[in-house]
Amino acid sequence: MNRGEIWLAHVGRKPRPVLVLTRSEVIDVRVLVTVAEITTSARGLSVEVPLRHDDLGLSLPSVVNCDGLHTVARTILTSYVATVDDDTMTLVCRAVATALGC
């Protein structure tokens, strides 16, 4: 598991895709990782980062919702989906800072 990967996770009522935000170098020594929800319910917020869903194996147009951050056990990340590119991660980092008011 690495930063920038999309995994299916049991967050909430059903499995959903999430983006791993935790630094890759500490994931193997941590029980918990921080993730951001990926959703098809885009609302046009500054904390949403659009994804190229066709390239990432997602069935519908989706966004990373940086208001939907969770710190979860690695064990609930059940299935690898894809890895986003560096440009997308840069946008996600900016959106996380906005979401947290930094």
PDB file of N, CA and C in Angstrom:
ATOM      1  N   MET A   1       0.848  -1.180   0.000  1.00  0.00           N
ATOM      2  CA  MET A   1       0.000   0.000   0.000  1.00  0.00           C
ATOM      3  C   MET A   1       0.893   1.242   0.000  1.00  0.00           C
ATOM      4  N   ASN A   2       0.498   2.250  -0.803  1.00  0.00           N
ATOM      5  CA  ASN A   2       1.280   3.477  -0.926  1.00  0.00           C
ATOM      6  C   ASN A   2       0.375   4.700  -1.010  1.00  0.00           C
ATOM      7  N   ARG A   3       0.968   5.837  -0.665  1.00  0.00           N
ATOM      8  CA  ARG A   3       0.281   7.120  -0.817  1.00  0.00           C
ATOM      9  C   ARG A   3      -0.100   7.298  -2.281  1.00  0.00           C
ATOM     10  N   GLY A   4      -1.294   7.826  -2.513  1.00  0.00           N
ATOM     11  CA  GLY A   4      -1.741   8.059  -3.881  1.00  0.00           C
ATOM     12  C   GLY A   4      -2.497   6.900  -4.503  1.00  0.00           C
ATOM     13  N   GLU A   5      -2.628   5.808  -3.767  1.00  0.00           N
ATOM     14  CA  GLU A   5      -3.380   4.665  -4.281  1.00  0.00           C
ATOM     15  C   GLU A   5      -4.856   4.776  -3.913  1.00  0.00           C
ATOM     16  N   ILE A   6      -5.685   4.292  -4.800  1.00  0.00           N
ATOM     17  CA  ILE A   6      -7.120   4.184  -4.540  1.00  0.00           C
ATOM     18  C   ILE A   6      -7.404   2.744  -4.131  1.00  0.00           C
ATOM     19  N   TRP A   7      -8.116   2.606  -3.020  1.00  0.00           N
ATOM     20  CA  TRP A   7      -8.517   1.295  -2.504  1.00  0.00           C
ATOM     21  C   TRP A   7     -10.008   1.313  -2.219  1.00  0.00           C
ATOM     22  N   LEU A   8     -10.627   0.144  -2.256  1.00  0.00           N
ATOM     23  CA  LEU A   8     -11.982   0.011  -1.732  1.00  0.00           C
ATOM     24  C   LEU A   8     -11.877  -0.172  -0.232  1.00  0.00           C
ATOM     25  N   ALA A   9     -12.743   0.505   0.500  1.00  0.00           N
ATOM     26  CA  ALA A   9     -12.705   0.444   1.962  1.00  0.00           C
ATOM     27  C   ALA A   9     -14.120   0.414   2.510  1.00  0.00           C
ATOM     28  N   HIS A  10     -14.269  -0.213   3.657  1.00  0.00           N
ATOM     29  CA  HIS A  10     -15.560  -0.234   4.349  1.00  0.00           C
ATOM     30  C   HIS A  10     -15.637   0.997   5.251  1.00  0.00           C
ATOM     31  N   VAL A  11     -16.011   2.132   4.650  1.00  0.00           N
ATOM     32  CA  VAL A  11     -16.189   3.392   5.365  1.00  0.00           C
ATOM     33  C   VAL A  11     -17.663   3.746   5.243  1.00  0.00           C
ATOM     34  N   GLY A  12     -18.355   3.787   6.350  1.00  0.00           N
ATOM     35  CA  GLY A  12     -19.790   4.068   6.287  1.00  0.00           C
ATOM     36  C   GLY A  12     -20.589   2.812   6.007  1.00  0.00           C
ATOM     37  N   ARG A  13     -21.674   2.981   5.264  1.00  0.00           N
ATOM     38  CA  ARG A  13     -22.626   1.888   5.060  1.00  0.00           C
ATOM     39  C   ARG A  13     -22.204   0.872   4.013  1.00  0.00           C
ATOM     40  N   LYS A  14     -21.332   1.248   3.098  1.00  0.00           N
ATOM     41  CA  LYS A  14     -20.987   0.335   2.009  1.00  0.00           C
ATOM     42  C   LYS A  14     -19.531   0.533   1.613  1.00  0.00           C
ATOM     43  N   PRO A  15     -18.948  -0.466   0.955  1.00  0.00           N
ATOM     44  CA  PRO A  15     -17.579  -0.271   0.459  1.00  0.00           C
ATOM     45  C   PRO A  15     -17.553   0.878  -0.546  1.00  0.00           C
ATOM     46  N   ARG A  16     -16.532   1.705  -0.429  1.00  0.00           N
ATOM     47  CA  ARG A  16     -16.406   2.833  -1.342  1.00  0.00           C
ATOM     48  C   ARG A  16     -14.932   3.055  -1.643  1.00  0.00           C
ATOM     49  N   PRO A  17     -14.618   3.686  -2.776  1.00  0.00           N
ATOM     50  CA  PRO A  17     -13.221   3.988  -3.059  1.00  0.00           C
ATOM     51  C   PRO A  17     -12.726   5.133  -2.182  1.00  0.00           C
ATOM     52  N   VAL A  18     -11.487   5.006  -1.749  1.00  0.00           N
ATOM     53  CA  VAL A  18     -10.824   6.051  -0.969  1.00  0.00           C
ATOM     54  C   VAL A  18      -9.412   6.231  -1.514  1.00  0.00           C
ATOM     55  N   LEU A  19      -8.860   7.411  -1.294  1.00  0.00           N
ATOM     56  CA  LEU A  19      -7.492   7.718  -1.709  1.00  0.00           C
ATOM     57  C   LEU A  19      -6.606   7.745  -0.478  1.00  0.00           C
ATOM     58  N   VAL A  20      -5.512   6.983  -0.507  1.00  0.00           N
ATOM     59  CA  VAL A  20      -4.580   6.933   0.622  1.00  0.00           C
ATOM     60  C   VAL A  20      -3.749   8.212   0.642  1.00  0.00           C
ATOM     61  N   LEU A  21      -3.739   8.899   1.808  1.00  0.00           N
ATOM     62  CA  LEU A  21      -2.999  10.150   1.978  1.00  0.00           C
ATOM     63  C   LEU A  21      -1.757   9.997   2.845  1.00  0.00           C
ATOM     64  N   THR A  22      -1.707   8.972   3.667  1.00  0.00           N
ATOM     65  CA  THR A  22      -0.567   8.767   4.566  1.00  0.00           C
ATOM     66  C   THR A  22       0.714   8.576   3.755  1.00  0.00           C
ATOM     67  N   ARG A  23       1.830   9.116   4.273  1.00  0.00           N
ATOM     68  CA  ARG A  23       3.133   8.976   3.615  1.00  0.00           C
ATOM     69  C   ARG A  23       3.498   7.503   3.453  1.00  0.00           C
ATOM     70  N   SER A  24       3.960   7.134   2.265  1.00  0.00           N
ATOM     71  CA  SER A  24       4.284   5.734   1.969  1.00  0.00           C
ATOM     72  C   SER A  24       5.293   5.145   2.937  1.00  0.00           C
ATOM     73  N   GLU A  25       6.271   5.948   3.349  1.00  0.00           N
ATOM     74  CA  GLU A  25       7.353   5.413   4.185  1.00  0.00           C
ATOM     75  C   GLU A  25       6.902   5.000   5.582  1.00  0.00           C
ATOM     76  N   VAL A  26       5.719   5.403   6.014  1.00  0.00           N
ATOM     77  CA  VAL A  26       5.262   5.006   7.354  1.00  0.00           C
ATOM     78  C   VAL A  26       4.076   4.046   7.333  1.00  0.00           C
ATOM     79  N   ILE A  27       3.523   3.793   6.169  1.00  0.00           N
ATOM     80  CA  ILE A  27       2.323   2.948   6.103  1.00  0.00           C
ATOM     81  C   ILE A  27       2.563   1.569   6.701  1.00  0.00           C
ATOM     82  N   ASP A  28       3.698   0.957   6.410  1.00  0.00           N
ATOM     83  CA  ASP A  28       3.954  -0.407   6.893  1.00  0.00           C
ATOM     84  C   ASP A  28       4.145  -0.493   8.400  1.00  0.00           C
ATOM     85  N   VAL A  29       4.466   0.615   9.055  1.00  0.00           N
ATOM     86  CA  VAL A  29       4.674   0.572  10.509  1.00  0.00           C
ATOM     87  C   VAL A  29       3.497   1.153  11.282  1.00  0.00           C
ATOM     88  N   ARG A  30       2.483   1.604  10.581  1.00  0.00           N
ATOM     89  CA  ARG A  30       1.301   2.185  11.220  1.00  0.00           C
ATOM     90  C   ARG A  30       0.118   1.235  11.090  1.00  0.00           C
ATOM     91  N   VAL A  31      -0.691   1.183  12.108  1.00  0.00           N
ATOM     92  CA  VAL A  31      -1.929   0.405  12.059  1.00  0.00           C
ATOM     93  C   VAL A  31      -3.013   1.211  11.347  1.00  0.00           C
ATOM     94  N   LEU A  32      -2.962   2.539  11.501  1.00  0.00           N
ATOM     95  CA  LEU A  32      -3.968   3.429  10.931  1.00  0.00           C
ATOM     96  C   LEU A  32      -3.391   4.220   9.762  1.00  0.00           C
ATOM     97  N   VAL A  33      -4.241   4.496   8.772  1.00  0.00           N
ATOM     98  CA  VAL A  33      -3.854   5.351   7.649  1.00  0.00           C
ATOM     99  C   VAL A  33      -4.945   6.399   7.443  1.00  0.00           C
ATOM    100  N   THR A  34      -4.551   7.528   6.882  1.00  0.00           N
ATOM    101  CA  THR A  34      -5.512   8.582   6.581  1.00  0.00           C
ATOM    102  C   THR A  34      -5.895   8.484   5.108  1.00  0.00           C
ATOM    103  N   VAL A  35      -7.199   8.567   4.857  1.00  0.00           N
ATOM    104  CA  VAL A  35      -7.727   8.455   3.501  1.00  0.00           C
ATOM    105  C   VAL A  35      -8.741   9.572   3.259  1.00  0.00           C
ATOM    106  N   ALA A  36      -8.992   9.832   1.989  1.00  0.00           N
ATOM    107  CA  ALA A  36     -10.048  10.766   1.580  1.00  0.00           C
ATOM    108  C   ALA A  36     -11.076   9.994   0.767  1.00  0.00           C
ATOM    109  N   GLU A  37     -12.338  10.300   1.008  1.00  0.00           N
ATOM    110  CA  GLU A  37     -13.420   9.652   0.270  1.00  0.00           C
ATOM    111  C   GLU A  37     -13.379  10.037  -1.205  1.00  0.00           C
ATOM    112  N   ILE A  38     -13.745   9.091  -2.039  1.00  0.00           N
ATOM    113  CA  ILE A  38     -13.984   9.356  -3.457  1.00  0.00           C
ATOM    114  C   ILE A  38     -15.477   9.168  -3.680  1.00  0.00           C
ATOM    115  N   THR A  39     -16.087  10.143  -4.336  1.00  0.00           N
ATOM    116  CA  THR A  39     -17.539  10.119  -4.499  1.00  0.00           C
ATOM    117  C   THR A  39     -17.945  10.532  -5.907  1.00  0.00           C
ATOM    118  N   THR A  40     -19.115  10.097  -6.309  1.00  0.00           N
ATOM    119  CA  THR A  40     -19.690  10.543  -7.582  1.00  0.00           C
ATOM    120  C   THR A  40     -20.574  11.768  -7.387  1.00  0.00           C
ATOM    121  N   SER A  41     -20.768  12.174  -6.139  1.00  0.00           N
ATOM    122  CA  SER A  41     -21.631  13.323  -5.817  1.00  0.00           C
ATOM    123  C   SER A  41     -20.820  14.610  -5.758  1.00  0.00           C
ATOM    124  N   ALA A  42     -20.390  15.086  -6.913  1.00  0.00           N
ATOM    125  CA  ALA A  42     -19.627  16.334  -6.974  1.00  0.00           C
ATOM    126  C   ALA A  42     -20.563  17.509  -6.741  1.00  0.00           C
ATOM    127  N   ARG A  43     -20.108  18.441  -5.888  1.00  0.00           N
ATOM    128  CA  ARG A  43     -20.915  19.623  -5.578  1.00  0.00           C
ATOM    129  C   ARG A  43     -20.239  20.916  -6.020  1.00  0.00           C
ATOM    130  N   GLY A  44     -19.086  20.788  -6.675  1.00  0.00           N
ATOM    131  CA  GLY A  44     -18.395  21.974  -7.157  1.00  0.00           C
ATOM    132  C   GLY A  44     -17.641  22.729  -6.084  1.00  0.00           C
ATOM    133  N   LEU A  45     -17.284  22.046  -5.003  1.00  0.00           N
ATOM    134  CA  LEU A  45     -16.567  22.687  -3.898  1.00  0.00           C
ATOM    135  C   LEU A  45     -15.070  22.770  -4.189  1.00  0.00           C
ATOM    136  N   SER A  46     -14.406  23.743  -3.579  1.00  0.00           N
ATOM    137  CA  SER A  46     -12.963  23.914  -3.781  1.00  0.00           C
ATOM    138  C   SER A  46     -12.158  22.771  -3.175  1.00  0.00           C
ATOM    139  N   VAL A  47     -12.783  21.970  -2.341  1.00  0.00           N
ATOM    140  CA  VAL A  47     -12.087  20.849  -1.698  1.00  0.00           C
ATOM    141  C   VAL A  47     -12.308  19.534  -2.447  1.00  0.00           C
ATOM    142  N   GLU A  48     -12.875  19.612  -3.642  1.00  0.00           N
ATOM    143  CA  GLU A  48     -13.069  18.430  -4.480  1.00  0.00           C
ATOM    144  C   GLU A  48     -12.058  18.439  -5.620  1.00  0.00           C
ATOM    145  N   VAL A  49     -11.444  17.284  -5.859  1.00  0.00           N
ATOM    146  CA  VAL A  49     -10.477  17.146  -6.946  1.00  0.00           C
ATOM    147  C   VAL A  49     -11.031  16.124  -7.940  1.00  0.00           C
ATOM    148  N   PRO A  50     -11.308  16.557  -9.173  1.00  0.00           N
ATOM    149  CA  PRO A  50     -11.838  15.627 -10.174  1.00  0.00           C
ATOM    150  C   PRO A  50     -10.817  14.542 -10.522  1.00  0.00           C
ATOM    151  N   LEU A  51     -11.324  13.355 -10.812  1.00  0.00           N
ATOM    152  CA  LEU A  51     -10.485  12.231 -11.219  1.00  0.00           C
ATOM    153  C   LEU A  51     -10.837  11.824 -12.644  1.00  0.00           C
ATOM    154  N   ARG A  52      -9.837  11.360 -13.375  1.00  0.00           N
ATOM    155  CA  ARG A  52     -10.081  10.789 -14.702  1.00  0.00           C
ATOM    156  C   ARG A  52     -10.547   9.348 -14.481  1.00  0.00           C
ATOM    157  N   HIS A  53     -11.831   9.189 -14.278  1.00  0.00           N
ATOM    158  CA  HIS A  53     -12.366   7.896 -13.846  1.00  0.00           C
ATOM    159  C   HIS A  53     -12.085   6.774 -14.833  1.00  0.00           C
ATOM    160  N   ASP A  54     -12.100   7.051 -16.130  1.00  0.00           N
ATOM    161  CA  ASP A  54     -11.842   6.002 -17.123  1.00  0.00           C
ATOM    162  C   ASP A  54     -10.435   5.435 -16.980  1.00  0.00           C
ATOM    163  N   ASP A  55      -9.468   6.298 -16.678  1.00  0.00           N
ATOM    164  CA  ASP A  55      -8.075   5.868 -16.531  1.00  0.00           C
ATOM    165  C   ASP A  55      -7.828   5.127 -15.227  1.00  0.00           C
ATOM    166  N   LEU A  56      -8.719   5.302 -14.257  1.00  0.00           N
ATOM    167  CA  LEU A  56      -8.485   4.771 -12.913  1.00  0.00           C
ATOM    168  C   LEU A  56      -9.375   3.583 -12.561  1.00  0.00           C
ATOM    169  N   GLY A  57     -10.146   3.096 -13.509  1.00  0.00           N
ATOM    170  CA  GLY A  57     -10.991   1.942 -13.238  1.00  0.00           C
ATOM    171  C   GLY A  57     -12.230   2.256 -12.419  1.00  0.00           C
ATOM    172  N   LEU A  58     -12.606   3.529 -12.365  1.00  0.00           N
ATOM    173  CA  LEU A  58     -13.837   3.918 -11.670  1.00  0.00           C
ATOM    174  C   LEU A  58     -14.955   3.967 -12.705  1.00  0.00           C
ATOM    175  N   SER A  59     -16.121   3.485 -12.344  1.00  0.00           N
ATOM    176  CA  SER A  59     -17.190   3.336 -13.328  1.00  0.00           C
ATOM    177  C   SER A  59     -17.878   4.647 -13.706  1.00  0.00           C
ATOM    178  N   LEU A  60     -17.834   5.638 -12.830  1.00  0.00           N
ATOM    179  CA  LEU A  60     -18.533   6.905 -13.067  1.00  0.00           C
ATOM    180  C   LEU A  60     -17.611   8.089 -12.798  1.00  0.00           C
ATOM    181  N   PRO A  61     -17.912   9.268 -13.370  1.00  0.00           N
ATOM    182  CA  PRO A  61     -17.137  10.463 -13.027  1.00  0.00           C
ATOM    183  C   PRO A  61     -17.123  10.654 -11.506  1.00  0.00           C
ATOM    184  N   SER A  62     -15.937  10.928 -10.969  1.00  0.00           N
ATOM    185  CA  SER A  62     -15.765  10.966  -9.511  1.00  0.00           C
ATOM    186  C   SER A  62     -14.837  12.091  -9.105  1.00  0.00           C
ATOM    187  N   VAL A  63     -14.914  12.446  -7.830  1.00  0.00           N
ATOM    188  CA  VAL A  63     -14.013  13.433  -7.240  1.00  0.00           C
ATOM    189  C   VAL A  63     -13.471  12.895  -5.923  1.00  0.00           C
ATOM    190  N   VAL A  64     -12.274  13.351  -5.564  1.00  0.00           N
ATOM    191  CA  VAL A  64     -11.767  13.145  -4.210  1.00  0.00           C
ATOM    192  C   VAL A  64     -12.388  14.244  -3.368  1.00  0.00           C
ATOM    193  N   ASN A  65     -13.110  13.874  -2.331  1.00  0.00           N
ATOM    194  CA  ASN A  65     -13.764  14.839  -1.443  1.00  0.00           C
ATOM    195  C   ASN A  65     -12.874  15.038  -0.218  1.00  0.00           C
ATOM    196  N   CYS A  66     -12.134  16.138  -0.186  1.00  0.00           N
ATOM    197  CA  CYS A  66     -11.182  16.368   0.902  1.00  0.00           C
ATOM    198  C   CYS A  66     -11.848  16.871   2.179  1.00  0.00           C
ATOM    199  N   ASP A  67     -13.162  17.084   2.156  1.00  0.00           N
ATOM    200  CA  ASP A  67     -13.913  17.279   3.398  1.00  0.00           C
ATOM    201  C   ASP A  67     -14.208  15.930   4.049  1.00  0.00           C
ATOM    202  N   GLY A  68     -14.082  14.855   3.292  1.00  0.00           N
ATOM    203  CA  GLY A  68     -14.368  13.511   3.790  1.00  0.00           C
ATOM    204  C   GLY A  68     -13.097  12.759   4.117  1.00  0.00           C
ATOM    205  N   LEU A  69     -12.361  13.243   5.120  1.00  0.00           N
ATOM    206  CA  LEU A  69     -11.122  12.589   5.551  1.00  0.00           C
ATOM    207  C   LEU A  69     -11.426  11.625   6.688  1.00  0.00           C
ATOM    208  N   HIS A  70     -10.745  10.484   6.668  1.00  0.00           N
ATOM    209  CA  HIS A  70     -10.906   9.477   7.714  1.00  0.00           C
ATOM    210  C   HIS A  70      -9.535   8.909   8.055  1.00  0.00           C
ATOM    211  N   THR A  71      -9.322   8.599   9.310  1.00  0.00           N
ATOM    212  CA  THR A  71      -8.162   7.816   9.719  1.00  0.00           C
ATOM    213  C   THR A  71      -8.710   6.463  10.135  1.00  0.00           C
ATOM    214  N   VAL A  72      -8.276   5.429   9.415  1.00  0.00           N
ATOM    215  CA  VAL A  72      -8.891   4.110   9.540  1.00  0.00           C
ATOM    216  C   VAL A  72      -7.820   3.029   9.663  1.00  0.00           C
ATOM    217  N   ALA A  73      -8.232   1.872  10.139  1.00  0.00           N
ATOM    218  CA  ALA A  73      -7.335   0.717  10.174  1.00  0.00           C
ATOM    219  C   ALA A  73      -7.020   0.281   8.744  1.00  0.00           C
ATOM    220  N   ARG A  74      -5.755  -0.027   8.500  1.00  0.00           N
ATOM    221  CA  ARG A  74      -5.363  -0.504   7.165  1.00  0.00           C
ATOM    222  C   ARG A  74      -6.178  -1.714   6.738  1.00  0.00           C
ATOM    223  N   THR A  75      -6.608  -2.501   7.705  1.00  0.00           N
ATOM    224  CA  THR A  75      -7.313  -3.745   7.397  1.00  0.00           C
ATOM    225  C   THR A  75      -8.665  -3.525   6.728  1.00  0.00           C
ATOM    226  N   ILE A  76      -9.233  -2.311   6.811  1.00  0.00           N
ATOM    227  CA  ILE A  76     -10.516  -2.097   6.133  1.00  0.00           C
ATOM    228  C   ILE A  76     -10.330  -1.719   4.666  1.00  0.00           C
ATOM    229  N   LEU A  77      -9.085  -1.521   4.252  1.00  0.00           N
ATOM    230  CA  LEU A  77      -8.792  -1.282   2.836  1.00  0.00           C
ATOM    231  C   LEU A  77      -8.666  -2.658   2.184  1.00  0.00           C
ATOM    232  N   THR A  78      -9.656  -3.035   1.411  1.00  0.00           N
ATOM    233  CA  THR A  78      -9.779  -4.434   1.008  1.00  0.00           C
ATOM    234  C   THR A  78      -9.302  -4.757  -0.394  1.00  0.00           C
ATOM    235  N   SER A  79      -9.320  -3.796  -1.301  1.00  0.00           N
ATOM    236  CA  SER A  79      -9.008  -4.115  -2.685  1.00  0.00           C
ATOM    237  C   SER A  79      -8.388  -2.908  -3.390  1.00  0.00           C
ATOM    238  N   TYR A  80      -7.190  -3.108  -3.958  1.00  0.00           N
ATOM    239  CA  TYR A  80      -6.513  -2.054  -4.707  1.00  0.00           C
ATOM    240  C   TYR A  80      -7.277  -1.776  -6.002  1.00  0.00           C
ATOM    241  N   VAL A  81      -7.397  -0.485  -6.350  1.00  0.00           N
ATOM    242  CA  VAL A  81      -8.092  -0.088  -7.576  1.00  0.00           C
ATOM    243  C   VAL A  81      -7.125   0.511  -8.590  1.00  0.00           C
ATOM    244  N   ALA A  82      -6.354   1.526  -8.191  1.00  0.00           N
ATOM    245  CA  ALA A  82      -5.487   2.255  -9.120  1.00  0.00           C
ATOM    246  C   ALA A  82      -4.605   3.215  -8.333  1.00  0.00           C
ATOM    247  N   THR A  83      -3.710   3.898  -9.050  1.00  0.00           N
ATOM    248  CA  THR A  83      -2.859   4.929  -8.455  1.00  0.00           C
ATOM    249  C   THR A  83      -3.041   6.226  -9.237  1.00  0.00           C
ATOM    250  N   VAL A  84      -3.259   7.333  -8.516  1.00  0.00           N
ATOM    251  CA  VAL A  84      -3.388   8.631  -9.187  1.00  0.00           C
ATOM    252  C   VAL A  84      -2.003   9.179  -9.514  1.00  0.00           C
ATOM    253  N   ASP A  85      -1.934  10.117 -10.449  1.00  0.00           N
ATOM    254  CA  ASP A  85      -0.646  10.693 -10.837  1.00  0.00           C
ATOM    255  C   ASP A  85      -0.217  11.798  -9.866  1.00  0.00           C
ATOM    256  N   ASP A  86       1.039  12.218 -10.013  1.00  0.00           N
ATOM    257  CA  ASP A  86       1.608  13.229  -9.112  1.00  0.00           C
ATOM    258  C   ASP A  86       0.861  14.561  -9.184  1.00  0.00           C
ATOM    259  N   ASP A  87       0.424  14.956 -10.375  1.00  0.00           N
ATOM    260  CA  ASP A  87      -0.315  16.218 -10.504  1.00  0.00           C
ATOM    261  C   ASP A  87      -1.621  16.172  -9.713  1.00  0.00           C
ATOM    262  N   THR A  88      -2.294  15.040  -9.752  1.00  0.00           N
ATOM    263  CA  THR A  88      -3.534  14.893  -8.984  1.00  0.00           C
ATOM    264  C   THR A  88      -3.243  14.968  -7.496  1.00  0.00           C
ATOM    265  N   MET A  89      -2.166  14.320  -7.045  1.00  0.00           N
ATOM    266  CA  MET A  89      -1.824  14.363  -5.616  1.00  0.00           C
ATOM    267  C   MET A  89      -1.488  15.780  -5.168  1.00  0.00           C
ATOM    268  N   THR A  90      -0.850  16.569  -6.023  1.00  0.00           N
ATOM    269  CA  THR A  90      -0.572  17.967  -5.684  1.00  0.00           C
ATOM    270  C   THR A  90      -1.878  18.726  -5.470  1.00  0.00           C
ATOM    271  N   LEU A  91      -2.844  18.510  -6.348  1.00  0.00           N
ATOM    272  CA  LEU A  91      -4.151  19.158  -6.193  1.00  0.00           C
ATOM    273  C   LEU A  91      -4.863  18.678  -4.934  1.00  0.00           C
ATOM    274  N   VAL A  92      -4.744  17.389  -4.629  1.00  0.00           N
ATOM    275  CA  VAL A  92      -5.360  16.842  -3.416  1.00  0.00           C
ATOM    276  C   VAL A  92      -4.734  17.484  -2.181  1.00  0.00           C
ATOM    277  N   CYS A  93      -3.412  17.627  -2.156  1.00  0.00           N
ATOM    278  CA  CYS A  93      -2.749  18.244  -0.995  1.00  0.00           C
ATOM    279  C   CYS A  93      -3.239  19.673  -0.777  1.00  0.00           C
ATOM    280  N   ARG A  94      -3.388  20.415  -1.843  1.00  0.00           N
ATOM    281  CA  ARG A  94      -3.911  21.784  -1.723  1.00  0.00           C
ATOM    282  C   ARG A  94      -5.348  21.773  -1.205  1.00  0.00           C
ATOM    283  N   ALA A  95      -6.147  20.844  -1.709  1.00  0.00           N
ATOM    284  CA  ALA A  95      -7.546  20.756  -1.281  1.00  0.00           C
ATOM    285  C   ALA A  95      -7.653  20.340   0.184  1.00  0.00           C
ATOM    286  N   VAL A  96      -6.763  19.454   0.641  1.00  0.00           N
ATOM    287  CA  VAL A  96      -6.752  19.057   2.060  1.00  0.00           C
ATOM    288  C   VAL A  96      -6.435  20.271   2.925  1.00  0.00           C
ATOM    289  N   ALA A  97      -5.439  21.059   2.527  1.00  0.00           N
ATOM    290  CA  ALA A  97      -5.094  22.262   3.291  1.00  0.00           C
ATOM    291  C   ALA A  97      -6.286  23.216   3.362  1.00  0.00           C
ATOM    292  N   THR A  98      -6.996  23.368   2.265  1.00  0.00           N
ATOM    293  CA  THR A  98      -8.194  24.214   2.256  1.00  0.00           C
ATOM    294  C   THR A  98      -9.263  23.644   3.182  1.00  0.00           C
ATOM    295  N   ALA A  99      -9.482  22.339   3.098  1.00  0.00           N
ATOM    296  CA  ALA A  99     -10.512  21.697   3.920  1.00  0.00           C
ATOM    297  C   ALA A  99     -10.226  21.847   5.410  1.00  0.00           C
ATOM    298  N   LEU A 100      -8.945  21.849   5.768  1.00  0.00           N
ATOM    299  CA  LEU A 100      -8.563  21.957   7.179  1.00  0.00           C
ATOM    300  C   LEU A 100      -8.352  23.400   7.622  1.00  0.00           C
ATOM    301  N   GLY A 101      -8.506  24.337   6.694  1.00  0.00           N
ATOM    302  CA  GLY A 101      -8.342  25.747   7.034  1.00  0.00           C
ATOM    303  C   GLY A 101      -6.902  26.144   7.263  1.00  0.00           C
ATOM    304  N   CYS A 102      -5.969  25.460   6.611  1.00  0.00           N
ATOM    305  CA  CYS A 102      -4.533  25.751   6.797  1.00  0.00           C
ATOM    306  C   CYS A 102      -4.044  26.802   5.815  1.00  0.00           C
TER     307      CYS A 102
END
